[in-house]
Amino acid sequence: MVVLDRDYFTIPAEQIKDIKAVATIVDGRKVY
């Protein structure tokens, strides 16, 4: 999973392309 800097479902559509990852978890381990 990924933790995002904003809510994909509620932000204006124009902001979707600008979403950034705050953290990335792979197989239960934080890798970023």
PDB file of all heavy atoms in Angstrom:
ATOM      1  N   MET A   1       0.836  -1.196   0.000  1.00  0.00           N
ATOM      2  CA  MET A   1       0.000   0.000   0.000  1.00  0.00           C
ATOM      3  C   MET A   1       0.869   1.244   0.000  1.00  0.00           C
ATOM      4  O   MET A   1       2.081   1.175   0.205  1.00  0.00           O
ATOM      5  CB  MET A   1      -0.935   0.007   1.196  1.00  0.00           C
ATOM      6  CG  MET A   1      -0.242   0.080   2.538  1.00  0.00           C
ATOM      7  SD  MET A   1      -1.375  -0.106   3.917  1.00  0.00           S
ATOM      8  CE  MET A   1      -1.318  -1.868   4.152  1.00  0.00           C
ATOM      9  N   VAL A   2       0.208   2.360  -0.240  1.00  0.00           N
ATOM     10  CA  VAL A   2       0.899   3.638  -0.262  1.00  0.00           C
ATOM     11  C   VAL A   2       0.099   4.626   0.572  1.00  0.00           C
ATOM     12  O   VAL A   2      -1.130   4.583   0.598  1.00  0.00           O
ATOM     13  CB  VAL A   2       1.097   4.133  -1.717  1.00  0.00           C
ATOM     14  CG1 VAL A   2      -0.218   4.401  -2.397  1.00  0.00           C
ATOM     15  CG2 VAL A   2       1.988   5.335  -1.787  1.00  0.00           C
ATOM     16  N   VAL A   3       0.821   5.484   1.294  1.00  0.00           N
ATOM     17  CA  VAL A   3       0.213   6.587   2.040  1.00  0.00           C
ATOM     18  C   VAL A   3       0.400   7.825   1.171  1.00  0.00           C
ATOM     19  O   VAL A   3       1.516   8.105   0.717  1.00  0.00           O
ATOM     20  CB  VAL A   3       0.881   6.772   3.424  1.00  0.00           C
ATOM     21  CG1 VAL A   3       0.257   7.950   4.165  1.00  0.00           C
ATOM     22  CG2 VAL A   3       0.787   5.489   4.245  1.00  0.00           C
ATOM     23  N   LEU A   4      -0.683   8.547   0.924  1.00  0.00           N
ATOM     24  CA  LEU A   4      -0.658   9.671  -0.008  1.00  0.00           C
ATOM     25  C   LEU A   4      -0.680  11.018   0.713  1.00  0.00           C
ATOM     26  O   LEU A   4      -1.135  11.104   1.848  1.00  0.00           O
ATOM     27  CB  LEU A   4      -1.852   9.580  -0.959  1.00  0.00           C
ATOM     28  CG  LEU A   4      -1.996   8.257  -1.702  1.00  0.00           C
ATOM     29  CD1 LEU A   4      -3.278   8.238  -2.507  1.00  0.00           C
ATOM     30  CD2 LEU A   4      -0.781   8.010  -2.580  1.00  0.00           C
ATOM     31  N   ASP A   5      -0.246  12.041  -0.012  1.00  0.00           N
ATOM     32  CA  ASP A   5      -0.234  13.386   0.567  1.00  0.00           C
ATOM     33  C   ASP A   5      -1.585  14.088   0.509  1.00  0.00           C
ATOM     34  O   ASP A   5      -1.734  15.192   1.026  1.00  0.00           O
ATOM     35  CB  ASP A   5       0.846  14.254  -0.089  1.00  0.00           C
ATOM     36  CG  ASP A   5       0.567  14.583  -1.543  1.00  0.00           C
ATOM     37  OD1 ASP A   5      -0.327  13.969  -2.168  1.00  0.00           O
ATOM     38  OD2 ASP A   5       1.259  15.472  -2.083  1.00  0.00           O
ATOM     39  N   ARG A   6      -2.567  13.454  -0.137  1.00  0.00           N
ATOM     40  CA  ARG A   6      -3.920  14.009  -0.192  1.00  0.00           C
ATOM     41  C   ARG A   6      -4.896  12.884  -0.498  1.00  0.00           C
ATOM     42  O   ARG A   6      -4.491  11.809  -0.922  1.00  0.00           O
ATOM     43  CB  ARG A   6      -4.020  15.135  -1.212  1.00  0.00           C
ATOM     44  CG  ARG A   6      -3.596  14.731  -2.612  1.00  0.00           C
ATOM     45  CD  ARG A   6      -3.353  15.923  -3.492  1.00  0.00           C
ATOM     46  NE  ARG A   6      -1.932  16.221  -3.478  1.00  0.00           N
ATOM     47  CZ  ARG A   6      -1.357  17.172  -4.171  1.00  0.00           C
ATOM     48  NH1 ARG A   6      -2.078  17.965  -4.916  1.00  0.00           N
ATOM     49  NH2 ARG A   6      -0.072  17.368  -4.114  1.00  0.00           N
ATOM     50  N   ASP A   7      -6.175  13.169  -0.291  1.00  0.00           N
ATOM     51  CA  ASP A   7      -7.211  12.157  -0.466  1.00  0.00           C
ATOM     52  C   ASP A   7      -7.636  12.084  -1.929  1.00  0.00           C
ATOM     53  O   ASP A   7      -8.324  12.975  -2.436  1.00  0.00           O
ATOM     54  CB  ASP A   7      -8.412  12.491   0.420  1.00  0.00           C
ATOM     55  CG  ASP A   7      -9.496  11.422   0.390  1.00  0.00           C
ATOM     56  OD1 ASP A   7      -9.489  10.552  -0.513  1.00  0.00           O
ATOM     57  OD2 ASP A   7     -10.368  11.455   1.275  1.00  0.00           O
ATOM     58  N   TYR A   8      -7.256  11.039  -2.592  1.00  0.00           N
ATOM     59  CA  TYR A   8      -7.563  10.808  -4.006  1.00  0.00           C
ATOM     60  C   TYR A   8      -9.059  10.951  -4.301  1.00  0.00           C
ATOM     61  O   TYR A   8      -9.442  11.446  -5.352  1.00  0.00           O
ATOM     62  CB  TYR A   8      -7.061   9.412  -4.379  1.00  0.00           C
ATOM     63  CG  TYR A   8      -7.580   8.856  -5.682  1.00  0.00           C
ATOM     64  CD1 TYR A   8      -7.121   9.346  -6.899  1.00  0.00           C
ATOM     65  CD2 TYR A   8      -8.515   7.826  -5.693  1.00  0.00           C
ATOM     66  CE1 TYR A   8      -7.587   8.824  -8.103  1.00  0.00           C
ATOM     67  CE2 TYR A   8      -8.982   7.292  -6.891  1.00  0.00           C
ATOM     68  CZ  TYR A   8      -8.520   7.802  -8.091  1.00  0.00           C
ATOM     69  OH  TYR A   8      -8.982   7.284  -9.272  1.00  0.00           O
ATOM     70  N   PHE A   9      -9.898  10.531  -3.372  1.00  0.00           N
ATOM     71  CA  PHE A   9     -11.341  10.519  -3.620  1.00  0.00           C
ATOM     72  C   PHE A   9     -12.025  11.872  -3.439  1.00  0.00           C
ATOM     73  O   PHE A   9     -13.121  12.068  -3.946  1.00  0.00           O
ATOM     74  CB  PHE A   9     -12.023   9.481  -2.725  1.00  0.00           C
ATOM     75  CG  PHE A   9     -11.675   8.074  -3.111  1.00  0.00           C
ATOM     76  CD1 PHE A   9     -10.800   7.333  -2.342  1.00  0.00           C
ATOM     77  CD2 PHE A   9     -12.195   7.504  -4.257  1.00  0.00           C
ATOM     78  CE1 PHE A   9     -10.459   6.041  -2.704  1.00  0.00           C
ATOM     79  CE2 PHE A   9     -11.860   6.214  -4.634  1.00  0.00           C
ATOM     80  CZ  PHE A   9     -10.987   5.480  -3.853  1.00  0.00           C
ATOM     81  N   THR A  10     -11.389  12.810  -2.737  1.00  0.00           N
ATOM     82  CA  THR A  10     -12.074  14.076  -2.461  1.00  0.00           C
ATOM     83  C   THR A  10     -11.409  15.309  -3.065  1.00  0.00           C
ATOM     84  O   THR A  10     -12.051  16.358  -3.141  1.00  0.00           O
ATOM     85  CB  THR A  10     -12.206  14.293  -0.944  1.00  0.00           C
ATOM     86  OG1 THR A  10     -10.905  14.360  -0.357  1.00  0.00           O
ATOM     87  CG2 THR A  10     -13.023  13.174  -0.306  1.00  0.00           C
ATOM     88  N   ILE A  11     -10.180  15.214  -3.492  1.00  0.00           N
ATOM     89  CA  ILE A  11      -9.518  16.392  -4.070  1.00  0.00           C
ATOM     90  C   ILE A  11     -10.134  16.740  -5.424  1.00  0.00           C
ATOM     91  O   ILE A  11     -10.738  15.882  -6.062  1.00  0.00           O
ATOM     92  CB  ILE A  11      -7.994  16.165  -4.235  1.00  0.00           C
ATOM     93  CG1 ILE A  11      -7.710  14.970  -5.156  1.00  0.00           C
ATOM     94  CG2 ILE A  11      -7.316  16.009  -2.889  1.00  0.00           C
ATOM     95  CD1 ILE A  11      -6.251  14.785  -5.520  1.00  0.00           C
ATOM     96  N   PRO A  12      -9.975  17.984  -5.862  1.00  0.00           N
ATOM     97  CA  PRO A  12     -10.429  18.306  -7.219  1.00  0.00           C
ATOM     98  C   PRO A  12      -9.708  17.407  -8.228  1.00  0.00           C
ATOM     99  O   PRO A  12      -8.525  17.075  -8.056  1.00  0.00           O
ATOM    100  CB  PRO A  12     -10.008  19.773  -7.396  1.00  0.00           C
ATOM    101  CG  PRO A  12      -9.897  20.309  -6.001  1.00  0.00           C
ATOM    102  CD  PRO A  12      -9.429  19.144  -5.158  1.00  0.00           C
ATOM    103  N   ALA A  13     -10.424  16.997  -9.269  1.00  0.00           N
ATOM    104  CA  ALA A  13      -9.856  16.081 -10.266  1.00  0.00           C
ATOM    105  C   ALA A  13      -8.546  16.600 -10.835  1.00  0.00           C
ATOM    106  O   ALA A  13      -7.647  15.810 -11.138  1.00  0.00           O
ATOM    107  CB  ALA A  13     -10.867  15.832 -11.381  1.00  0.00           C
ATOM    108  N   GLU A  14      -8.400  17.903 -10.980  1.00  0.00           N
ATOM    109  CA  GLU A  14      -7.176  18.480 -11.534  1.00  0.00           C
ATOM    110  C   GLU A  14      -5.948  18.172 -10.682  1.00  0.00           C
ATOM    111  O   GLU A  14      -4.819  18.226 -11.173  1.00  0.00           O
ATOM    112  CB  GLU A  14      -7.313  19.991 -11.713  1.00  0.00           C
ATOM    113  CG  GLU A  14      -8.207  20.388 -12.860  1.00  0.00           C
ATOM    114  CD  GLU A  14      -7.759  19.824 -14.205  1.00  0.00           C
ATOM    115  OE1 GLU A  14      -6.557  19.870 -14.512  1.00  0.00           O
ATOM    116  OE2 GLU A  14      -8.620  19.318 -14.947  1.00  0.00           O
ATOM    117  N   GLN A  15      -6.132  17.836  -9.417  1.00  0.00           N
ATOM    118  CA  GLN A  15      -5.006  17.547  -8.519  1.00  0.00           C
ATOM    119  C   GLN A  15      -4.581  16.080  -8.537  1.00  0.00           C
ATOM    120  O   GLN A  15      -3.529  15.744  -7.985  1.00  0.00           O
ATOM    121  CB  GLN A  15      -5.348  17.955  -7.087  1.00  0.00           C
ATOM    122  CG  GLN A  15      -5.453  19.440  -6.875  1.00  0.00           C
ATOM    123  CD  GLN A  15      -5.720  19.777  -5.429  1.00  0.00           C
ATOM    124  OE1 GLN A  15      -5.457  18.992  -4.516  1.00  0.00           O
ATOM    125  NE2 GLN A  15      -6.271  20.956  -5.201  1.00  0.00           N
ATOM    126  N   ILE A  16      -5.360  15.219  -9.131  1.00  0.00           N
ATOM    127  CA  ILE A  16      -5.025  13.784  -9.117  1.00  0.00           C
ATOM    128  C   ILE A  16      -3.620  13.554  -9.665  1.00  0.00           C
ATOM    129  O   ILE A  16      -2.835  12.804  -9.091  1.00  0.00           O
ATOM    130  CB  ILE A  16      -6.072  12.952  -9.890  1.00  0.00           C
ATOM    131  CG1 ILE A  16      -7.414  12.995  -9.166  1.00  0.00           C
ATOM    132  CG2 ILE A  16      -5.598  11.510 -10.067  1.00  0.00           C
ATOM    133  CD1 ILE A  16      -8.569  12.372  -9.944  1.00  0.00           C
ATOM    134  N   LYS A  17      -3.274  14.212 -10.748  1.00  0.00           N
ATOM    135  CA  LYS A  17      -1.962  14.009 -11.388  1.00  0.00           C
ATOM    136  C   LYS A  17      -0.807  14.463 -10.503  1.00  0.00           C
ATOM    137  O   LYS A  17       0.345  14.090 -10.734  1.00  0.00           O
ATOM    138  CB  LYS A  17      -1.917  14.725 -12.742  1.00  0.00           C
ATOM    139  CG  LYS A  17      -1.996  16.226 -12.664  1.00  0.00           C
ATOM    140  CD  LYS A  17      -2.099  16.841 -14.044  1.00  0.00           C
ATOM    141  CE  LYS A  17      -2.189  18.338 -14.033  1.00  0.00           C
ATOM    142  NZ  LYS A  17      -3.095  18.943 -13.057  1.00  0.00           N
ATOM    143  N   ASP A  18      -1.090  15.258  -9.473  1.00  0.00           N
ATOM    144  CA  ASP A  18      -0.042  15.820  -8.616  1.00  0.00           C
ATOM    145  C   ASP A  18       0.127  15.079  -7.296  1.00  0.00           C
ATOM    146  O   ASP A  18       0.952  15.465  -6.467  1.00  0.00           O
ATOM    147  CB  ASP A  18      -0.363  17.293  -8.328  1.00  0.00           C
ATOM    148  CG  ASP A  18      -0.531  18.098  -9.595  1.00  0.00           C
ATOM    149  OD1 ASP A  18       0.288  17.932 -10.519  1.00  0.00           O
ATOM    150  OD2 ASP A  18      -1.498  18.895  -9.682  1.00  0.00           O
ATOM    151  N   ILE A  19      -0.615  14.013  -7.084  1.00  0.00           N
ATOM    152  CA  ILE A  19      -0.511  13.243  -5.840  1.00  0.00           C
ATOM    153  C   ILE A  19       0.907  12.709  -5.679  1.00  0.00           C
ATOM    154  O   ILE A  19       1.543  12.275  -6.634  1.00  0.00           O
ATOM    155  CB  ILE A  19      -1.533  12.083  -5.833  1.00  0.00           C
ATOM    156  CG1 ILE A  19      -2.947  12.639  -5.726  1.00  0.00           C
ATOM    157  CG2 ILE A  19      -1.234  11.088  -4.708  1.00  0.00           C
ATOM    158  CD1 ILE A  19      -4.042  11.584  -5.851  1.00  0.00           C
ATOM    159  N   LYS A  20       1.383  12.737  -4.454  1.00  0.00           N
ATOM    160  CA  LYS A  20       2.719  12.224  -4.121  1.00  0.00           C
ATOM    161  C   LYS A  20       2.590  11.178  -3.018  1.00  0.00           C
ATOM    162  O   LYS A  20       1.720  11.244  -2.157  1.00  0.00           O
ATOM    163  CB  LYS A  20       3.630  13.348  -3.620  1.00  0.00           C
ATOM    164  CG  LYS A  20       3.799  14.493  -4.589  1.00  0.00           C
ATOM    165  CD  LYS A  20       4.769  14.138  -5.685  1.00  0.00           C
ATOM    166  CE  LYS A  20       5.049  15.332  -6.560  1.00  0.00           C
ATOM    167  NZ  LYS A  20       4.447  15.313  -7.851  1.00  0.00           N
ATOM    168  N   ALA A  21       3.497  10.238  -3.032  1.00  0.00           N
ATOM    169  CA  ALA A  21       3.561   9.221  -1.976  1.00  0.00           C
ATOM    170  C   ALA A  21       4.295   9.792  -0.768  1.00  0.00           C
ATOM    171  O   ALA A  21       5.352  10.399  -0.914  1.00  0.00           O
ATOM    172  CB  ALA A  21       4.272   7.981  -2.477  1.00  0.00           C
ATOM    173  N   VAL A  22       3.719   9.587   0.406  1.00  0.00           N
ATOM    174  CA  VAL A  22       4.356   9.961   1.657  1.00  0.00           C
ATOM    175  C   VAL A  22       5.124   8.757   2.198  1.00  0.00           C
ATOM    176  O   VAL A  22       6.202   8.887   2.760  1.00  0.00           O
ATOM    177  CB  VAL A  22       3.306  10.447   2.681  1.00  0.00           C
ATOM    178  CG1 VAL A  22       3.920  10.713   4.040  1.00  0.00           C
ATOM    179  CG2 VAL A  22       2.603  11.698   2.150  1.00  0.00           C
ATOM    180  N   ALA A  23       4.555   7.574   1.978  1.00  0.00           N
ATOM    181  CA  ALA A  23       5.203   6.334   2.402  1.00  0.00           C
ATOM    182  C   ALA A  23       4.691   5.195   1.526  1.00  0.00           C
ATOM    183  O   ALA A  23       3.568   5.240   1.034  1.00  0.00           O
ATOM    184  CB  ALA A  23       4.920   6.030   3.870  1.00  0.00           C
ATOM    185  N   THR A  24       5.563   4.193   1.350  1.00  0.00           N
ATOM    186  CA  THR A  24       5.192   3.008   0.582  1.00  0.00           C
ATOM    187  C   THR A  24       5.499   1.782   1.429  1.00  0.00           C
ATOM    188  O   THR A  24       6.591   1.672   2.005  1.00  0.00           O
ATOM    189  CB  THR A  24       5.971   2.939  -0.750  1.00  0.00           C
ATOM    190  OG1 THR A  24       5.719   4.136  -1.483  1.00  0.00           O
ATOM    191  CG2 THR A  24       5.545   1.739  -1.565  1.00  0.00           C
ATOM    192  N   ILE A  25       4.542   0.867   1.484  1.00  0.00           N
ATOM    193  CA  ILE A  25       4.682  -0.364   2.258  1.00  0.00           C
ATOM    194  C   ILE A  25       4.531  -1.533   1.290  1.00  0.00           C
ATOM    195  O   ILE A  25       3.568  -1.592   0.521  1.00  0.00           O
ATOM    196  CB  ILE A  25       3.618  -0.430   3.365  1.00  0.00           C
ATOM    197  CG1 ILE A  25       3.787   0.779   4.303  1.00  0.00           C
ATOM    198  CG2 ILE A  25       3.693  -1.746   4.129  1.00  0.00           C
ATOM    199  CD1 ILE A  25       2.606   1.044   5.192  1.00  0.00           C
ATOM    200  N   VAL A  26       5.499  -2.439   1.298  1.00  0.00           N
ATOM    201  CA  VAL A  26       5.477  -3.613   0.439  1.00  0.00           C
ATOM    202  C   VAL A  26       5.617  -4.848   1.332  1.00  0.00           C
ATOM    203  O   VAL A  26       6.557  -4.939   2.120  1.00  0.00           O
ATOM    204  CB  VAL A  26       6.613  -3.573  -0.617  1.00  0.00           C
ATOM    205  CG1 VAL A  26       6.620  -4.842  -1.454  1.00  0.00           C
ATOM    206  CG2 VAL A  26       6.480  -2.339  -1.499  1.00  0.00           C
ATOM    207  N   ASP A  27       4.670  -5.757   1.188  1.00  0.00           N
ATOM    208  CA  ASP A  27       4.657  -6.979   1.990  1.00  0.00           C
ATOM    209  C   ASP A  27       4.768  -6.676   3.479  1.00  0.00           C
ATOM    210  O   ASP A  27       5.473  -7.357   4.217  1.00  0.00           O
ATOM    211  CB  ASP A  27       5.758  -7.946   1.531  1.00  0.00           C
ATOM    212  CG  ASP A  27       5.536  -9.368   2.036  1.00  0.00           C
ATOM    213  OD1 ASP A  27       4.421  -9.661   2.529  1.00  0.00           O
ATOM    214  OD2 ASP A  27       6.478 -10.173   1.941  1.00  0.00           O
ATOM    215  N   GLY A  28       4.095  -5.598   3.896  1.00  0.00           N
ATOM    216  CA  GLY A  28       4.059  -5.248   5.316  1.00  0.00           C
ATOM    217  C   GLY A  28       5.263  -4.483   5.831  1.00  0.00           C
ATOM    218  O   GLY A  28       5.316  -4.134   7.016  1.00  0.00           O
ATOM    219  N   ARG A  29       6.239  -4.175   4.969  1.00  0.00           N
ATOM    220  CA  ARG A  29       7.429  -3.428   5.398  1.00  0.00           C
ATOM    221  C   ARG A  29       7.482  -2.074   4.708  1.00  0.00           C
ATOM    222  O   ARG A  29       7.288  -1.976   3.503  1.00  0.00           O
ATOM    223  CB  ARG A  29       8.708  -4.195   5.055  1.00  0.00           C
ATOM    224  CG  ARG A  29       8.875  -5.494   5.833  1.00  0.00           C
ATOM    225  CD  ARG A  29      10.059  -6.234   5.298  1.00  0.00           C
ATOM    226  NE  ARG A  29       9.913  -6.114   3.833  1.00  0.00           N
ATOM    227  CZ  ARG A  29      10.763  -6.585   2.949  1.00  0.00           C
ATOM    228  NH1 ARG A  29      11.801  -7.197   3.297  1.00  0.00           N
ATOM    229  NH2 ARG A  29      10.564  -6.442   1.651  1.00  0.00           N
ATOM    230  N   LYS A  30       7.789  -1.044   5.487  1.00  0.00           N
ATOM    231  CA  LYS A  30       7.936   0.283   4.901  1.00  0.00           C
ATOM    232  C   LYS A  30       9.226   0.319   4.089  1.00  0.00           C
ATOM    233  O   LYS A  30      10.310   0.046   4.590  1.00  0.00           O
ATOM    234  CB  LYS A  30       7.989   1.363   5.991  1.00  0.00           C
ATOM    235  CG  LYS A  30       7.930   2.783   5.427  1.00  0.00           C
ATOM    236  CD  LYS A  30       8.015   3.840   6.507  1.00  0.00           C
ATOM    237  CE  LYS A  30       6.726   3.855   7.290  1.00  0.00           C
ATOM    238  NZ  LYS A  30       6.711   4.955   8.283  1.00  0.00           N
ATOM    239  N   VAL A  31       9.095   0.602   2.783  1.00  0.00           N
ATOM    240  CA  VAL A  31      10.252   0.635   1.896  1.00  0.00           C
ATOM    241  C   VAL A  31      10.560   2.043   1.413  1.00  0.00           C
ATOM    242  O   VAL A  31      11.594   2.268   0.790  1.00  0.00           O
ATOM    243  CB  VAL A  31      10.063  -0.303   0.681  1.00  0.00           C
ATOM    244  CG1 VAL A  31       9.962  -1.755   1.135  1.00  0.00           C
ATOM    245  CG2 VAL A  31       8.864   0.088  -0.154  1.00  0.00           C
ATOM    246  N   TYR A  32       9.654   2.995   1.698  1.00  0.00           N
ATOM    247  CA  TYR A  32       9.895   4.384   1.308  1.00  0.00           C
ATOM    248  C   TYR A  32       9.160   5.296   2.269  1.00  0.00           C
ATOM    249  O   TYR A  32       8.032   5.018   2.690  1.00  0.00           O
ATOM    250  CB  TYR A  32       9.379   4.645  -0.108  1.00  0.00           C
ATOM    251  CG  TYR A  32       9.362   6.115  -0.469  1.00  0.00           C
ATOM    252  CD1 TYR A  32      10.540   6.763  -0.850  1.00  0.00           C
ATOM    253  CD2 TYR A  32       8.193   6.859  -0.414  1.00  0.00           C
ATOM    254  CE1 TYR A  32      10.527   8.118  -1.149  1.00  0.00           C
ATOM    255  CE2 TYR A  32       8.172   8.196  -0.723  1.00  0.00           C
ATOM    256  CZ  TYR A  32       9.337   8.825  -1.084  1.00  0.00           C
ATOM    257  OH  TYR A  32       9.328  10.176  -1.386  1.00  0.00           O
TER     258      TYR A  32
END
